[in-house]
């Protein structure tokens, strides 16, 4: 998949299918394990895009100290996301998810680094990594939970990767207005992804919620 195709996917998946839309907001005062999990999952995924954006900015300005902190936070956040499934699927599954999330981060980092180096072939290779990693994550999640359609996950994760790519390109071009528009798509998209994961967990393990 080339960069142009990934960008088209990004736009195509801004309108999510019904199962991945944000669930209705609970009544005021409502509290449950499902709600707590949903909010925690949302926080984790927003932190994911926040720290990767920080890395991309630091990388563009050659601020190695800031880039290291941001990269460390991306890894810490990925560990939290992976470990969040351990109580339901076990630590080996969490460890496998962490490897897959590390692959996602590695591909995005590769794209950012190649952008700074003006390495067109490196950018294309990073897009290929993002694409194959999206398929691998989708296969893993769909295999663990029958309430997560693999083909839909591939689309959502490809669009998520496309947001990272677009954001990095826009930051490199100092096109901050375009980057602001990308963020307006990126944040609700990642929240929809987090909500879809939570809803699938609640449906698969109703006795836990």
N, C-alpha and C. Protein backbone atom coordinates (compact mmCIF):
# COMPACT_ATOMS: atom_id res chain seq x y z
N UNK A 1 0.85 -1.20 0.00
CA UNK A 1 0.00 0.00 0.00
C UNK A 1 0.88 1.24 0.00
N UNK A 2 0.64 2.17 -0.96
CA UNK A 2 1.44 3.38 -0.99
C UNK A 2 0.84 4.47 -0.12
N UNK A 3 1.54 5.58 -0.01
CA UNK A 3 1.12 6.66 0.88
C UNK A 3 -0.21 7.24 0.43
N UNK A 4 -0.41 7.39 -0.88
CA UNK A 4 -1.66 7.96 -1.38
C UNK A 4 -2.84 7.06 -1.03
N UNK A 5 -2.68 5.75 -1.19
CA UNK A 5 -3.75 4.81 -0.86
C UNK A 5 -4.08 4.86 0.62
N UNK A 6 -3.05 4.96 1.46
CA UNK A 6 -3.27 5.02 2.89
C UNK A 6 -4.02 6.29 3.25
N UNK A 7 -3.69 7.39 2.59
CA UNK A 7 -4.40 8.64 2.86
C UNK A 7 -5.87 8.53 2.48
N UNK A 8 -6.17 7.84 1.37
CA UNK A 8 -7.56 7.64 0.96
C UNK A 8 -8.31 6.78 1.97
N UNK A 9 -7.62 5.78 2.51
CA UNK A 9 -8.24 4.96 3.55
C UNK A 9 -8.57 5.79 4.78
N UNK A 10 -7.68 6.69 5.11
CA UNK A 10 -7.88 7.58 6.24
C UNK A 10 -9.21 8.31 6.10
N UNK A 11 -9.48 8.85 4.90
CA UNK A 11 -10.71 9.60 4.67
C UNK A 11 -11.91 8.66 4.64
N UNK A 12 -11.74 7.49 4.07
CA UNK A 12 -12.86 6.57 3.93
C UNK A 12 -13.37 6.07 5.26
N UNK A 13 -12.47 5.95 6.23
CA UNK A 13 -12.87 5.39 7.51
C UNK A 13 -13.16 6.44 8.57
N UNK A 14 -13.28 7.70 8.16
CA UNK A 14 -13.71 8.72 9.11
C UNK A 14 -15.14 8.46 9.54
N UNK A 15 -15.96 7.94 8.62
CA UNK A 15 -17.32 7.54 8.97
C UNK A 15 -17.28 6.07 9.32
N UNK A 16 -17.38 5.75 10.60
CA UNK A 16 -17.22 4.38 11.06
C UNK A 16 -18.53 3.60 10.97
N UNK A 17 -18.46 2.27 10.79
CA UNK A 17 -19.65 1.44 10.81
C UNK A 17 -20.30 1.49 12.19
N UNK A 18 -21.55 1.04 12.22
CA UNK A 18 -22.35 1.21 13.45
C UNK A 18 -21.70 0.59 14.68
N UNK A 19 -21.06 -0.56 14.52
CA UNK A 19 -20.55 -1.24 15.71
C UNK A 19 -19.41 -0.48 16.37
N UNK A 20 -18.74 0.41 15.61
CA UNK A 20 -17.60 1.12 16.17
C UNK A 20 -17.92 2.57 16.53
N UNK A 21 -19.19 2.97 16.39
CA UNK A 21 -19.54 4.32 16.78
C UNK A 21 -19.47 4.44 18.30
N UNK A 22 -19.25 5.66 18.78
CA UNK A 22 -19.19 5.90 20.21
C UNK A 22 -20.51 5.52 20.86
N UNK A 23 -20.51 4.66 21.89
CA UNK A 23 -21.74 4.26 22.55
C UNK A 23 -22.40 5.45 23.22
N UNK A 24 -23.73 5.35 23.48
CA UNK A 24 -24.42 6.44 24.16
C UNK A 24 -23.79 6.75 25.50
N UNK A 25 -23.78 8.01 25.88
CA UNK A 25 -23.23 8.41 27.17
C UNK A 25 -24.13 7.91 28.29
N UNK A 26 -23.57 7.25 29.33
CA UNK A 26 -24.39 6.75 30.43
C UNK A 26 -25.07 7.90 31.16
N UNK A 27 -26.15 7.57 31.87
CA UNK A 27 -26.86 8.56 32.66
C UNK A 27 -25.92 9.17 33.70
N UNK A 28 -26.11 10.46 34.04
CA UNK A 28 -25.28 11.09 35.07
C UNK A 28 -25.31 10.27 36.36
N UNK A 29 -24.16 10.08 36.92
CA UNK A 29 -24.05 9.33 38.17
C UNK A 29 -23.91 7.84 37.98
N UNK A 30 -24.12 7.39 36.74
CA UNK A 30 -23.98 5.96 36.49
C UNK A 30 -22.54 5.53 36.66
N UNK A 31 -22.33 4.37 37.22
CA UNK A 31 -20.98 3.88 37.41
C UNK A 31 -21.01 2.37 37.27
N UNK A 32 -20.03 1.82 36.63
CA UNK A 32 -19.95 0.39 36.42
C UNK A 32 -18.55 0.05 35.99
N UNK A 33 -18.22 -1.24 36.06
CA UNK A 33 -16.91 -1.68 35.59
C UNK A 33 -16.77 -1.42 34.10
N UNK A 34 -17.88 -1.56 33.35
CA UNK A 34 -17.83 -1.31 31.90
C UNK A 34 -17.51 0.15 31.61
N UNK A 35 -18.15 1.06 32.33
CA UNK A 35 -17.90 2.48 32.13
C UNK A 35 -16.47 2.85 32.51
N UNK A 36 -16.01 2.33 33.64
CA UNK A 36 -14.64 2.62 34.09
C UNK A 36 -13.63 2.11 33.08
N UNK A 37 -13.90 0.93 32.53
CA UNK A 37 -13.00 0.36 31.53
C UNK A 37 -13.00 1.19 30.25
N UNK A 38 -14.19 1.61 29.85
CA UNK A 38 -14.30 2.44 28.64
C UNK A 38 -13.51 3.73 28.79
N UNK A 39 -13.66 4.40 29.92
CA UNK A 39 -12.96 5.67 30.13
C UNK A 39 -11.45 5.47 30.22
N UNK A 40 -11.03 4.39 30.89
CA UNK A 40 -9.60 4.10 31.01
C UNK A 40 -9.00 3.78 29.64
N UNK A 41 -9.74 3.01 28.83
CA UNK A 41 -9.25 2.65 27.50
C UNK A 41 -9.14 3.90 26.62
N UNK A 42 -10.11 4.78 26.73
CA UNK A 42 -10.06 6.04 25.97
C UNK A 42 -8.80 6.84 26.35
N UNK A 43 -8.56 6.97 27.65
CA UNK A 43 -7.39 7.71 28.11
C UNK A 43 -6.10 7.13 27.54
N UNK A 44 -6.00 5.81 27.57
CA UNK A 44 -4.78 5.15 27.09
C UNK A 44 -4.54 5.43 25.61
N UNK A 45 -5.59 5.37 24.80
CA UNK A 45 -5.41 5.55 23.37
C UNK A 45 -5.18 7.01 23.01
N UNK A 46 -5.77 7.94 23.77
CA UNK A 46 -5.48 9.35 23.53
C UNK A 46 -4.03 9.65 23.89
N UNK A 47 -3.54 9.04 24.98
CA UNK A 47 -2.12 9.21 25.33
C UNK A 47 -1.22 8.67 24.24
N UNK A 48 -1.64 7.59 23.60
CA UNK A 48 -0.85 7.01 22.50
C UNK A 48 -0.61 8.05 21.41
N UNK A 49 -1.69 8.70 20.94
CA UNK A 49 -1.51 9.67 19.86
C UNK A 49 -0.82 10.95 20.36
N UNK A 50 -1.05 11.30 21.64
CA UNK A 50 -0.42 12.48 22.21
C UNK A 50 1.10 12.34 22.23
N UNK A 51 1.60 11.22 22.73
CA UNK A 51 3.04 11.05 22.87
C UNK A 51 3.73 10.82 21.53
N UNK A 52 3.04 10.18 20.61
CA UNK A 52 3.64 10.02 19.28
C UNK A 52 3.75 11.37 18.59
N UNK A 53 2.74 12.22 18.75
CA UNK A 53 2.82 13.57 18.20
C UNK A 53 4.01 14.33 18.83
N UNK A 54 4.19 14.19 20.13
CA UNK A 54 5.32 14.84 20.80
C UNK A 54 6.65 14.36 20.22
N UNK A 55 6.73 13.05 19.94
CA UNK A 55 7.96 12.53 19.34
C UNK A 55 8.19 13.15 17.96
N UNK A 56 7.14 13.21 17.15
CA UNK A 56 7.27 13.75 15.80
C UNK A 56 7.73 15.20 15.83
N UNK A 57 7.19 15.98 16.77
CA UNK A 57 7.58 17.39 16.88
C UNK A 57 9.04 17.50 17.31
N UNK A 58 9.42 16.73 18.33
CA UNK A 58 10.80 16.77 18.81
C UNK A 58 11.76 16.31 17.73
N UNK A 59 11.35 15.32 16.96
CA UNK A 59 12.19 14.80 15.89
C UNK A 59 12.42 15.87 14.82
N UNK A 60 11.36 16.60 14.50
CA UNK A 60 11.48 17.66 13.49
C UNK A 60 12.43 18.77 13.94
N UNK A 61 12.44 19.06 15.23
CA UNK A 61 13.27 20.16 15.75
C UNK A 61 14.62 19.67 16.27
N UNK A 62 14.89 18.37 16.09
CA UNK A 62 16.17 17.77 16.51
C UNK A 62 16.40 17.92 18.01
N UNK A 63 15.32 17.90 18.77
CA UNK A 63 15.42 17.95 20.24
C UNK A 63 15.50 16.52 20.76
N UNK A 64 16.72 16.01 20.88
CA UNK A 64 16.91 14.60 21.24
C UNK A 64 16.42 14.28 22.64
N UNK A 65 16.55 15.23 23.56
CA UNK A 65 16.09 15.00 24.93
C UNK A 65 14.58 14.83 24.97
N UNK A 66 13.86 15.72 24.30
CA UNK A 66 12.41 15.63 24.26
C UNK A 66 11.97 14.37 23.51
N UNK A 67 12.66 14.05 22.43
CA UNK A 67 12.31 12.87 21.64
C UNK A 67 12.45 11.60 22.46
N UNK A 68 13.50 11.53 23.29
CA UNK A 68 13.70 10.34 24.11
C UNK A 68 12.59 10.19 25.15
N UNK A 69 12.24 11.29 25.79
CA UNK A 69 11.16 11.24 26.78
C UNK A 69 9.86 10.79 26.12
N UNK A 70 9.56 11.38 24.96
CA UNK A 70 8.33 11.03 24.25
C UNK A 70 8.34 9.55 23.84
N UNK A 71 9.48 9.08 23.32
CA UNK A 71 9.58 7.68 22.91
C UNK A 71 9.39 6.74 24.10
N UNK A 72 10.00 7.08 25.23
CA UNK A 72 9.84 6.27 26.44
C UNK A 72 8.38 6.22 26.88
N UNK A 73 7.69 7.35 26.75
CA UNK A 73 6.29 7.41 27.14
C UNK A 73 5.41 6.59 26.19
N UNK A 74 5.76 6.59 24.91
CA UNK A 74 5.02 5.76 23.95
C UNK A 74 5.12 4.29 24.35
N UNK A 75 6.32 3.86 24.71
CA UNK A 75 6.53 2.46 25.11
C UNK A 75 5.79 2.15 26.41
N UNK A 76 5.86 3.06 27.38
CA UNK A 76 5.16 2.85 28.65
C UNK A 76 3.66 2.76 28.43
N UNK A 77 3.15 3.61 27.55
CA UNK A 77 1.72 3.59 27.24
C UNK A 77 1.32 2.29 26.54
N UNK A 78 2.13 1.82 25.60
CA UNK A 78 1.85 0.56 24.91
C UNK A 78 1.82 -0.60 25.90
N UNK A 79 2.70 -0.55 26.88
CA UNK A 79 2.73 -1.59 27.91
C UNK A 79 1.44 -1.57 28.72
N UNK A 80 0.95 -0.38 29.03
CA UNK A 80 -0.31 -0.27 29.77
C UNK A 80 -1.48 -0.80 28.96
N UNK A 81 -1.52 -0.45 27.68
CA UNK A 81 -2.60 -0.95 26.82
C UNK A 81 -2.56 -2.47 26.76
N UNK A 82 -1.39 -3.02 26.55
CA UNK A 82 -1.26 -4.48 26.46
C UNK A 82 -1.64 -5.15 27.76
N UNK A 83 -1.16 -4.62 28.87
CA UNK A 83 -1.44 -5.24 30.16
C UNK A 83 -2.89 -5.11 30.58
N UNK A 84 -3.62 -4.21 29.94
CA UNK A 84 -5.04 -4.05 30.30
C UNK A 84 -5.85 -5.29 29.94
N UNK A 85 -5.36 -6.11 29.01
CA UNK A 85 -6.10 -7.32 28.64
C UNK A 85 -5.66 -8.55 29.44
N UNK A 86 -4.57 -8.41 30.21
CA UNK A 86 -4.04 -9.55 30.95
C UNK A 86 -5.05 -10.20 31.89
N UNK A 87 -5.87 -9.43 32.64
CA UNK A 87 -6.84 -10.07 33.54
C UNK A 87 -7.87 -10.93 32.83
N UNK A 88 -8.10 -10.66 31.56
CA UNK A 88 -9.11 -11.41 30.81
C UNK A 88 -8.51 -12.51 29.94
N UNK A 89 -7.35 -12.25 29.35
CA UNK A 89 -6.76 -13.20 28.40
C UNK A 89 -5.46 -13.84 28.89
N UNK A 90 -4.90 -13.32 29.99
CA UNK A 90 -3.65 -13.86 30.50
C UNK A 90 -2.45 -13.04 30.06
N UNK A 91 -1.36 -13.16 30.80
CA UNK A 91 -0.16 -12.37 30.51
C UNK A 91 0.49 -12.73 29.17
N UNK A 92 0.50 -14.01 28.76
CA UNK A 92 1.09 -14.32 27.45
C UNK A 92 0.40 -13.56 26.31
N UNK A 93 -0.92 -13.44 26.38
CA UNK A 93 -1.65 -12.68 25.35
C UNK A 93 -1.29 -11.21 25.42
N UNK A 94 -1.16 -10.68 26.64
CA UNK A 94 -0.77 -9.28 26.81
C UNK A 94 0.63 -9.05 26.23
N UNK A 95 1.52 -9.99 26.46
CA UNK A 95 2.89 -9.86 25.93
C UNK A 95 2.88 -9.88 24.40
N UNK A 96 2.01 -10.72 23.81
CA UNK A 96 1.92 -10.76 22.35
C UNK A 96 1.37 -9.45 21.80
N UNK A 97 0.37 -8.90 22.47
CA UNK A 97 -0.18 -7.62 22.04
C UNK A 97 0.87 -6.52 22.14
N UNK A 98 1.68 -6.57 23.19
CA UNK A 98 2.73 -5.57 23.34
C UNK A 98 3.71 -5.62 22.17
N UNK A 99 4.06 -6.83 21.72
CA UNK A 99 4.96 -6.96 20.57
C UNK A 99 4.34 -6.33 19.32
N UNK A 100 3.04 -6.53 19.17
CA UNK A 100 2.36 -5.96 18.00
C UNK A 100 2.27 -4.44 18.09
N UNK A 101 1.99 -3.93 19.28
CA UNK A 101 1.96 -2.48 19.47
C UNK A 101 3.35 -1.87 19.28
N UNK A 102 4.36 -2.61 19.69
CA UNK A 102 5.74 -2.16 19.47
C UNK A 102 6.02 -2.07 17.97
N UNK A 103 5.46 -2.99 17.21
CA UNK A 103 5.63 -2.95 15.76
C UNK A 103 4.95 -1.74 15.14
N UNK A 104 3.80 -1.38 15.68
CA UNK A 104 3.09 -0.18 15.22
C UNK A 104 3.93 1.06 15.50
N UNK A 105 4.41 1.18 16.73
CA UNK A 105 5.24 2.32 17.10
C UNK A 105 6.53 2.35 16.28
N UNK A 106 7.12 1.19 16.08
CA UNK A 106 8.35 1.14 15.29
C UNK A 106 8.15 1.64 13.87
N UNK A 107 7.00 1.30 13.28
CA UNK A 107 6.72 1.74 11.92
C UNK A 107 6.49 3.25 11.87
N UNK A 108 5.75 3.79 12.86
CA UNK A 108 5.50 5.23 12.88
C UNK A 108 6.82 5.98 13.12
N UNK A 109 7.64 5.47 14.03
CA UNK A 109 8.94 6.09 14.30
C UNK A 109 9.80 6.06 13.04
N UNK A 110 9.77 4.94 12.35
CA UNK A 110 10.53 4.81 11.10
C UNK A 110 10.08 5.87 10.10
N UNK A 111 8.77 6.09 10.01
CA UNK A 111 8.25 7.09 9.07
C UNK A 111 8.70 8.49 9.48
N UNK A 112 8.63 8.79 10.78
CA UNK A 112 9.07 10.10 11.27
C UNK A 112 10.56 10.30 11.00
N UNK A 113 11.35 9.30 11.31
CA UNK A 113 12.80 9.41 11.11
C UNK A 113 13.14 9.58 9.62
N UNK A 114 12.43 8.82 8.77
CA UNK A 114 12.69 8.91 7.33
C UNK A 114 12.25 10.28 6.78
N UNK A 115 11.19 10.83 7.37
CA UNK A 115 10.73 12.15 6.94
C UNK A 115 11.78 13.21 7.26
N UNK A 116 12.33 13.15 8.45
CA UNK A 116 13.38 14.09 8.85
C UNK A 116 14.61 13.95 7.94
N UNK A 117 14.92 12.70 7.59
CA UNK A 117 16.09 12.44 6.74
C UNK A 117 15.81 12.65 5.26
N UNK A 118 14.55 12.99 4.93
CA UNK A 118 14.12 13.18 3.53
C UNK A 118 14.42 11.91 2.72
N UNK A 119 14.10 10.78 3.32
CA UNK A 119 14.35 9.46 2.74
C UNK A 119 13.02 8.90 2.21
N UNK A 120 12.76 9.11 0.94
CA UNK A 120 11.49 8.69 0.35
C UNK A 120 11.30 7.17 0.41
N UNK A 121 12.37 6.42 0.15
CA UNK A 121 12.27 4.96 0.21
C UNK A 121 12.00 4.49 1.63
N UNK A 122 12.62 5.17 2.60
CA UNK A 122 12.38 4.82 3.99
C UNK A 122 10.94 5.08 4.38
N UNK A 123 10.38 6.17 3.90
CA UNK A 123 8.97 6.48 4.18
C UNK A 123 8.06 5.41 3.59
N UNK A 124 8.34 5.01 2.37
CA UNK A 124 7.52 3.99 1.73
C UNK A 124 7.62 2.66 2.48
N UNK A 125 8.83 2.32 2.92
CA UNK A 125 9.01 1.09 3.68
C UNK A 125 8.24 1.15 5.00
N UNK A 126 8.22 2.31 5.62
CA UNK A 126 7.50 2.47 6.88
C UNK A 126 6.00 2.31 6.67
N UNK A 127 5.47 2.81 5.55
CA UNK A 127 4.05 2.63 5.24
C UNK A 127 3.73 1.14 5.08
N UNK A 128 4.62 0.42 4.43
CA UNK A 128 4.43 -1.03 4.28
C UNK A 128 4.42 -1.72 5.64
N UNK A 129 5.31 -1.27 6.52
CA UNK A 129 5.35 -1.83 7.88
C UNK A 129 4.04 -1.56 8.62
N UNK A 130 3.55 -0.33 8.49
CA UNK A 130 2.29 0.04 9.15
C UNK A 130 1.14 -0.83 8.64
N UNK A 131 1.12 -1.06 7.33
CA UNK A 131 0.04 -1.84 6.72
C UNK A 131 0.06 -3.28 7.20
N UNK A 132 1.22 -3.91 7.16
CA UNK A 132 1.32 -5.31 7.59
C UNK A 132 1.06 -5.44 9.08
N UNK A 133 1.50 -4.45 9.85
CA UNK A 133 1.27 -4.49 11.29
C UNK A 133 -0.22 -4.34 11.61
N UNK A 134 -0.92 -3.48 10.87
CA UNK A 134 -2.36 -3.32 11.09
C UNK A 134 -3.08 -4.65 10.87
N UNK A 135 -2.67 -5.37 9.85
CA UNK A 135 -3.28 -6.68 9.58
C UNK A 135 -2.98 -7.66 10.70
N UNK A 136 -1.75 -7.61 11.22
CA UNK A 136 -1.37 -8.53 12.30
C UNK A 136 -2.13 -8.23 13.59
N UNK A 137 -2.27 -6.96 13.93
CA UNK A 137 -3.02 -6.59 15.14
C UNK A 137 -4.48 -6.99 14.98
N UNK A 138 -5.05 -6.73 13.80
CA UNK A 138 -6.45 -7.08 13.56
C UNK A 138 -6.67 -8.59 13.69
N UNK A 139 -5.75 -9.37 13.13
CA UNK A 139 -5.87 -10.83 13.21
C UNK A 139 -5.80 -11.29 14.66
N UNK A 140 -4.89 -10.70 15.43
CA UNK A 140 -4.75 -11.07 16.84
C UNK A 140 -6.02 -10.75 17.63
N UNK A 141 -6.52 -9.53 17.48
CA UNK A 141 -7.70 -9.11 18.25
C UNK A 141 -8.94 -9.89 17.85
N UNK A 142 -9.12 -10.09 16.53
CA UNK A 142 -10.27 -10.84 16.06
C UNK A 142 -10.20 -12.30 16.50
N UNK A 143 -9.00 -12.84 16.56
CA UNK A 143 -8.83 -14.22 17.02
C UNK A 143 -9.13 -14.38 18.49
N UNK A 144 -8.87 -13.32 19.26
CA UNK A 144 -9.12 -13.37 20.70
C UNK A 144 -10.57 -13.09 21.03
N UNK A 145 -11.24 -12.28 20.20
CA UNK A 145 -12.60 -11.85 20.54
C UNK A 145 -13.48 -11.92 19.28
N UNK A 146 -14.48 -12.80 19.29
CA UNK A 146 -15.33 -12.96 18.10
C UNK A 146 -16.22 -11.75 17.81
N UNK A 147 -16.26 -10.81 18.73
CA UNK A 147 -17.08 -9.60 18.54
C UNK A 147 -16.33 -8.49 17.80
N UNK A 148 -15.11 -8.79 17.38
CA UNK A 148 -14.30 -7.82 16.64
C UNK A 148 -14.06 -8.33 15.23
N UNK A 149 -14.82 -7.87 14.24
CA UNK A 149 -14.63 -8.33 12.86
C UNK A 149 -13.24 -7.94 12.33
N UNK A 150 -12.52 -8.92 11.84
CA UNK A 150 -11.14 -8.67 11.42
C UNK A 150 -11.05 -7.64 10.29
N UNK A 151 -11.94 -7.74 9.30
CA UNK A 151 -11.86 -6.82 8.17
C UNK A 151 -12.12 -5.38 8.60
N UNK A 152 -13.04 -5.19 9.53
CA UNK A 152 -13.32 -3.84 10.03
C UNK A 152 -12.15 -3.30 10.82
N UNK A 153 -11.53 -4.18 11.62
CA UNK A 153 -10.36 -3.77 12.38
C UNK A 153 -9.21 -3.36 11.46
N UNK A 154 -9.00 -4.11 10.39
CA UNK A 154 -7.94 -3.76 9.45
C UNK A 154 -8.17 -2.35 8.92
N UNK A 155 -9.42 -2.05 8.56
CA UNK A 155 -9.73 -0.72 8.06
C UNK A 155 -9.50 0.37 9.08
N UNK A 156 -9.96 0.13 10.29
CA UNK A 156 -9.80 1.13 11.35
C UNK A 156 -8.33 1.37 11.67
N UNK A 157 -7.56 0.30 11.75
CA UNK A 157 -6.14 0.43 12.09
C UNK A 157 -5.35 1.03 10.94
N UNK A 158 -5.75 0.73 9.70
CA UNK A 158 -5.09 1.36 8.55
C UNK A 158 -5.35 2.86 8.56
N UNK A 159 -6.59 3.25 8.88
CA UNK A 159 -6.92 4.67 8.96
C UNK A 159 -6.15 5.34 10.08
N UNK A 160 -6.02 4.64 11.21
CA UNK A 160 -5.24 5.18 12.33
C UNK A 160 -3.79 5.41 11.91
N UNK A 161 -3.22 4.45 11.22
CA UNK A 161 -1.86 4.63 10.70
C UNK A 161 -1.79 5.80 9.73
N UNK A 162 -2.84 5.96 8.92
CA UNK A 162 -2.89 7.06 7.99
C UNK A 162 -2.91 8.41 8.68
N UNK A 163 -3.56 8.47 9.83
CA UNK A 163 -3.55 9.71 10.61
C UNK A 163 -2.13 10.06 11.06
N UNK A 164 -1.41 9.05 11.55
CA UNK A 164 -0.01 9.30 11.95
C UNK A 164 0.81 9.83 10.78
N UNK A 165 0.66 9.19 9.63
CA UNK A 165 1.42 9.58 8.43
C UNK A 165 1.09 11.01 8.03
N UNK A 166 -0.20 11.32 7.98
CA UNK A 166 -0.61 12.66 7.58
C UNK A 166 -0.08 13.70 8.57
N UNK A 167 -0.18 13.40 9.84
CA UNK A 167 0.27 14.34 10.87
C UNK A 167 1.77 14.62 10.76
N UNK A 168 2.54 13.58 10.57
CA UNK A 168 4.00 13.74 10.45
C UNK A 168 4.34 14.57 9.21
N UNK A 169 3.67 14.29 8.09
CA UNK A 169 3.92 15.06 6.87
C UNK A 169 3.56 16.53 7.06
N UNK A 170 2.45 16.79 7.72
CA UNK A 170 1.99 18.16 7.93
C UNK A 170 2.91 18.92 8.88
N UNK A 171 3.38 18.26 9.91
CA UNK A 171 4.34 18.90 10.82
C UNK A 171 5.64 19.22 10.08
N UNK A 172 6.07 18.30 9.24
CA UNK A 172 7.31 18.53 8.49
C UNK A 172 7.16 19.71 7.52
N UNK A 173 5.95 19.88 7.00
CA UNK A 173 5.69 20.98 6.05
C UNK A 173 5.32 22.27 6.77
N UNK A 174 5.28 22.23 8.09
CA UNK A 174 4.85 23.39 8.89
C UNK A 174 3.43 23.84 8.51
N UNK A 175 2.63 22.87 8.09
CA UNK A 175 1.24 23.15 7.73
C UNK A 175 0.37 22.84 8.95
N UNK A 176 0.38 23.75 9.90
CA UNK A 176 -0.27 23.50 11.18
C UNK A 176 -1.79 23.54 11.08
N UNK A 177 -2.32 24.26 10.12
CA UNK A 177 -3.77 24.27 9.93
C UNK A 177 -4.24 22.89 9.46
N UNK A 178 -3.49 22.29 8.54
CA UNK A 178 -3.83 20.94 8.08
C UNK A 178 -3.66 19.93 9.21
N UNK A 179 -2.61 20.11 10.00
CA UNK A 179 -2.39 19.18 11.13
C UNK A 179 -3.52 19.30 12.14
N UNK A 180 -4.05 20.49 12.32
CA UNK A 180 -5.19 20.68 13.23
C UNK A 180 -6.41 19.93 12.71
N UNK A 181 -6.60 19.96 11.39
CA UNK A 181 -7.73 19.22 10.81
C UNK A 181 -7.54 17.72 10.95
N UNK A 182 -6.29 17.26 10.80
CA UNK A 182 -6.01 15.84 10.99
C UNK A 182 -6.31 15.42 12.42
N UNK A 183 -5.94 16.27 13.39
CA UNK A 183 -6.22 15.97 14.80
C UNK A 183 -7.73 15.87 15.04
N UNK A 184 -8.50 16.71 14.35
CA UNK A 184 -9.95 16.68 14.51
C UNK A 184 -10.55 15.36 14.03
N UNK A 185 -9.85 14.68 13.12
CA UNK A 185 -10.27 13.34 12.70
C UNK A 185 -9.63 12.26 13.58
N UNK A 186 -8.38 12.50 13.95
CA UNK A 186 -7.58 11.49 14.65
C UNK A 186 -8.13 11.16 16.04
N UNK A 187 -8.47 12.21 16.79
CA UNK A 187 -8.92 11.98 18.17
C UNK A 187 -10.24 11.21 18.23
N UNK A 188 -11.30 11.63 17.53
CA UNK A 188 -12.54 10.85 17.59
C UNK A 188 -12.39 9.45 17.02
N UNK A 189 -11.49 9.31 16.03
CA UNK A 189 -11.27 7.99 15.46
C UNK A 189 -10.65 7.05 16.50
N UNK A 190 -9.65 7.53 17.22
CA UNK A 190 -9.00 6.67 18.20
C UNK A 190 -9.94 6.41 19.38
N UNK A 191 -10.82 7.35 19.70
CA UNK A 191 -11.82 7.11 20.74
C UNK A 191 -12.81 6.04 20.29
N UNK A 192 -13.19 6.08 19.01
CA UNK A 192 -14.09 5.06 18.47
C UNK A 192 -13.44 3.68 18.53
N UNK A 193 -12.14 3.63 18.24
CA UNK A 193 -11.41 2.37 18.32
C UNK A 193 -11.39 1.86 19.76
N UNK A 194 -11.09 2.74 20.71
CA UNK A 194 -11.07 2.35 22.12
C UNK A 194 -12.44 1.87 22.57
N UNK A 195 -13.49 2.57 22.15
CA UNK A 195 -14.85 2.18 22.54
C UNK A 195 -15.23 0.82 21.95
N UNK A 196 -14.81 0.59 20.71
CA UNK A 196 -15.11 -0.69 20.07
C UNK A 196 -14.44 -1.84 20.81
N UNK A 197 -13.20 -1.64 21.23
CA UNK A 197 -12.49 -2.67 21.98
C UNK A 197 -13.17 -2.95 23.31
N UNK A 198 -13.57 -1.88 23.99
CA UNK A 198 -14.24 -2.05 25.28
C UNK A 198 -15.57 -2.76 25.11
N UNK A 199 -16.37 -2.34 24.15
CA UNK A 199 -17.68 -2.96 23.92
C UNK A 199 -17.54 -4.45 23.63
N UNK A 200 -16.51 -4.81 22.87
CA UNK A 200 -16.29 -6.22 22.55
C UNK A 200 -15.90 -7.02 23.79
N UNK A 201 -15.10 -6.42 24.66
CA UNK A 201 -14.72 -7.09 25.91
C UNK A 201 -15.93 -7.30 26.81
N UNK A 202 -16.76 -6.28 26.92
CA UNK A 202 -17.95 -6.38 27.77
C UNK A 202 -18.88 -7.47 27.24
N UNK A 203 -19.03 -7.55 25.93
CA UNK A 203 -19.90 -8.56 25.34
C UNK A 203 -19.34 -9.97 25.51
N UNK A 204 -18.02 -10.09 25.41
CA UNK A 204 -17.41 -11.42 25.53
C UNK A 204 -17.34 -11.90 26.99
N UNK A 205 -17.16 -10.97 27.92
CA UNK A 205 -17.02 -11.33 29.33
C UNK A 205 -18.06 -10.59 30.19
N UNK A 206 -19.35 -10.87 29.98
CA UNK A 206 -20.39 -10.14 30.71
C UNK A 206 -20.31 -10.34 32.22
N UNK A 207 -19.78 -11.48 32.64
CA UNK A 207 -19.68 -11.74 34.10
C UNK A 207 -18.60 -10.90 34.76
N UNK A 208 -17.70 -10.31 33.97
CA UNK A 208 -16.62 -9.47 34.51
C UNK A 208 -17.05 -8.01 34.62
N UNK A 209 -18.18 -7.68 33.99
CA UNK A 209 -18.61 -6.29 33.94
C UNK A 209 -20.02 -6.12 34.50
